Protein backbone atom coordinates (compact mmCIF):
# COMPACT_ATOMS: atom_id res chain seq x y z
CA UNK A 1 -33.92 50.38 -49.13
CA UNK A 2 -30.22 49.46 -48.92
CA UNK A 3 -28.70 46.07 -49.57
CA UNK A 4 -26.14 44.98 -46.97
CA UNK A 5 -22.94 44.05 -48.71
CA UNK A 6 -20.25 41.70 -47.61
CA UNK A 7 -16.48 42.18 -47.85
CA UNK A 8 -16.21 40.39 -51.27
CA UNK A 9 -19.01 42.46 -52.71
CA UNK A 10 -17.53 45.65 -51.65
CA UNK A 11 -14.03 44.71 -53.02
CA UNK A 12 -15.75 43.83 -56.37
CA UNK A 13 -17.67 47.00 -56.27
CA UNK A 14 -14.47 49.03 -55.88
CA UNK A 15 -12.64 47.32 -58.57
CA UNK A 16 -15.62 47.83 -60.89
CA UNK A 17 -15.61 51.57 -60.05
CA UNK A 18 -11.80 51.70 -60.60
CA UNK A 19 -12.26 50.04 -63.95
CA UNK A 20 -15.26 52.28 -64.86
CA UNK A 21 -13.36 55.50 -64.12
CA UNK A 22 -10.40 54.69 -66.29
CA UNK A 23 -12.81 53.29 -69.06
CA UNK A 24 -14.70 56.62 -69.06
CA UNK A 25 -11.72 58.70 -69.49
CA UNK A 26 -8.95 56.82 -71.32
CA UNK A 27 -7.83 56.96 -74.98
CA UNK A 28 -8.28 55.24 -77.29
CA UNK A 29 -11.63 53.69 -77.75
CA UNK A 30 -10.30 50.02 -77.93
CA UNK A 31 -8.96 50.51 -74.40
CA UNK A 32 -12.19 51.60 -73.12
CA UNK A 33 -13.90 48.50 -74.70
CA UNK A 34 -11.35 46.25 -72.95
CA UNK A 35 -11.86 47.92 -69.56
CA UNK A 36 -15.70 47.72 -69.83
CA UNK A 37 -15.38 43.94 -70.79
CA UNK A 38 -13.36 43.52 -67.78
CA UNK A 39 -16.27 45.06 -65.72
CA UNK A 40 -18.63 42.43 -67.40
CA UNK A 41 -20.19 44.22 -70.10
CA UNK A 42 -20.74 41.96 -73.06
CA UNK A 43 -19.13 43.64 -76.08
CA UNK A 44 -18.78 42.41 -79.66
CA UNK A 45 -16.16 43.09 -82.31
CA UNK A 46 -15.45 46.47 -83.92
CA UNK A 47 -17.47 48.47 -81.30
CA UNK A 48 -16.59 52.04 -80.55
CA UNK A 49 -17.31 53.51 -77.17
CA UNK A 50 -16.83 57.22 -76.75
CA UNK A 51 -15.27 59.25 -74.05
CA UNK A 52 -17.32 59.71 -70.73
CA UNK A 53 -19.77 56.94 -71.46
CA UNK A 54 -21.38 55.85 -68.20
CA UNK A 55 -22.47 52.17 -68.15
CA UNK A 56 -24.30 51.34 -64.99
CA UNK A 57 -22.10 50.40 -62.04
CA UNK A 58 -24.81 48.34 -60.47
CA UNK A 59 -25.12 45.83 -63.42
CA UNK A 60 -22.51 46.11 -66.16
CA UNK A 61 -23.17 42.39 -66.88
CA UNK A 62 -26.71 43.31 -67.82
CA UNK A 63 -25.43 45.34 -70.85
CA UNK A 64 -24.75 43.79 -74.26
CA UNK A 65 -23.24 45.74 -77.15
CA UNK A 66 -23.11 43.80 -80.42
CA UNK A 67 -20.66 43.98 -83.29
CA UNK A 68 -20.18 47.25 -85.18
CA UNK A 69 -22.23 49.31 -82.73
CA UNK A 70 -21.18 52.84 -81.66
CA UNK A 71 -21.92 54.49 -78.38
CA UNK A 72 -20.85 58.05 -78.79
CA UNK A 73 -19.57 60.34 -75.88
CA UNK A 74 -21.41 61.19 -72.78
CA UNK A 75 -24.01 58.52 -73.05
CA UNK A 76 -25.60 56.88 -70.07
CA UNK A 77 -26.70 53.23 -70.17
CA UNK A 78 -28.77 52.47 -67.03
CA UNK A 79 -29.87 48.90 -66.08
CA UNK A 80 -31.62 49.71 -62.89
CA UNK A 81 -34.11 52.38 -61.64
CA UNK A 82 -36.71 52.60 -58.87
CA UNK A 83 -39.85 50.74 -59.62
CA UNK A 84 -42.58 53.51 -59.20
CA UNK A 85 -45.59 51.19 -59.74
CA UNK A 86 -46.44 51.26 -56.04
CA UNK A 87 -45.48 54.86 -55.30
CA UNK A 88 -48.15 57.07 -53.78
CA UNK A 89 -48.68 60.46 -52.15
CA UNK A 90 -46.81 60.57 -48.85
CA UNK A 91 -44.78 57.44 -49.79
CA UNK A 92 -40.96 57.56 -49.98
CA UNK A 93 -39.30 56.74 -53.21
CA UNK A 94 -36.23 55.45 -51.35
CA UNK A 95 -38.37 52.73 -49.78
CA UNK A 96 -39.14 51.38 -53.44
CA UNK A 97 -37.22 48.50 -54.70
CA UNK A 98 -35.24 48.64 -57.91
CA UNK A 99 -36.20 47.22 -61.18
CA UNK A 100 -33.29 45.60 -62.90
CA UNK A 101 -33.48 44.87 -66.62
CA UNK A 102 -30.89 44.38 -69.41
CA UNK A 103 -29.92 46.58 -72.20
CA UNK A 104 -29.20 45.30 -75.66
CA UNK A 105 -27.66 47.46 -78.41
CA UNK A 106 -27.78 45.36 -81.59
CA UNK A 107 -25.34 44.95 -84.50
CA UNK A 108 -24.46 48.26 -86.30
CA UNK A 109 -26.62 50.54 -84.09
CA UNK A 110 -25.61 54.11 -83.34
CA UNK A 111 -26.26 55.89 -80.04
CA UNK A 112 -25.94 59.69 -80.42
CA UNK A 113 -23.93 62.05 -78.02
CA UNK A 114 -25.48 62.51 -74.68
CA UNK A 115 -28.24 59.92 -75.20
CA UNK A 116 -29.63 58.01 -72.19
CA UNK A 117 -30.71 54.43 -72.52
CA UNK A 118 -33.20 53.20 -69.67
CA UNK A 119 -33.47 49.65 -68.39
CA UNK A 120 -35.13 46.98 -70.58
CA UNK A 121 -34.50 48.71 -73.82
CA UNK A 122 -33.30 47.03 -77.04
CA UNK A 123 -31.84 49.31 -79.71
CA UNK A 124 -32.30 47.37 -83.11
CA UNK A 125 -29.99 46.41 -85.71
CA UNK A 126 -28.79 49.44 -87.58
CA UNK A 127 -30.99 51.75 -85.58
CA UNK A 128 -29.91 55.34 -84.92
CA UNK A 129 -30.71 57.25 -81.66
CA UNK A 130 -30.38 61.02 -82.12
CA UNK A 131 -28.06 63.06 -79.83
CA UNK A 132 -29.75 63.85 -76.33
CA UNK A 133 -32.39 61.21 -76.55
CA UNK A 134 -33.94 59.51 -73.63
CA UNK A 135 -34.82 56.02 -74.85
CA UNK A 136 -37.54 54.60 -72.69
CA UNK A 137 -38.86 51.88 -75.13
CA UNK A 138 -37.34 49.62 -77.73
CA UNK A 139 -36.22 50.98 -81.08
CA UNK A 140 -37.04 48.74 -84.12
CA UNK A 141 -34.27 47.59 -86.58
CA UNK A 142 -33.21 50.26 -89.14
CA UNK A 143 -35.17 53.26 -87.64
CA UNK A 144 -34.22 56.71 -86.33
CA UNK A 145 -35.45 57.56 -82.94
CA UNK A 146 -34.90 61.20 -81.35
CA UNK A 147 -36.37 63.26 -78.55
CA UNK A 148 -37.37 62.99 -75.00
CA UNK A 149 -38.85 60.40 -74.78
CA UNK A 150 -37.31 59.11 -77.97
CA UNK A 151 -39.81 58.50 -80.72
CA UNK A 152 -39.23 56.79 -84.09
CA UNK A 153 -39.22 59.40 -86.77
CA UNK A 154 -37.92 57.48 -89.73
CA UNK A 155 -37.77 53.86 -90.84
CA UNK A 156 -35.39 52.53 -93.59
CA UNK A 157 -36.31 49.84 -96.06
CA UNK A 158 -34.01 47.15 -97.65
CA UNK A 159 -33.38 49.05 -100.80
CA UNK A 160 -30.65 51.70 -101.60
């Protein structure tokens, strides 16, 4: 199901794509952060965004990355996907509506290389997502989650 867009939406979309292209491929990280902020991504202080990070073109304003977080190279942050709750045999996936939900990466979280964060996910304070993980559910504070789908394999307590 395609949404009809007016001229203003098309121009905003093109500007968003242009900024996204440069944000994915420019150096250094602080320039990437500035470009993503211009796209509408809410980004805190001291955030590192690696090369070739794809932040959803459909809804960059639905992504929040808090202070001191790191999103390493080649990660994908998706804030929309097809709602499959009414999908059935013989049906068309293209006819299904999109589900749009925000992503929140909390303070001090680390997202490993090549990870995918799906709509509606919160990655907790100080949490670590292992490389190549697909995060379909929230990751609690101070935990390590790895795999496809990502599962919590370790939790840290307050003591050192």
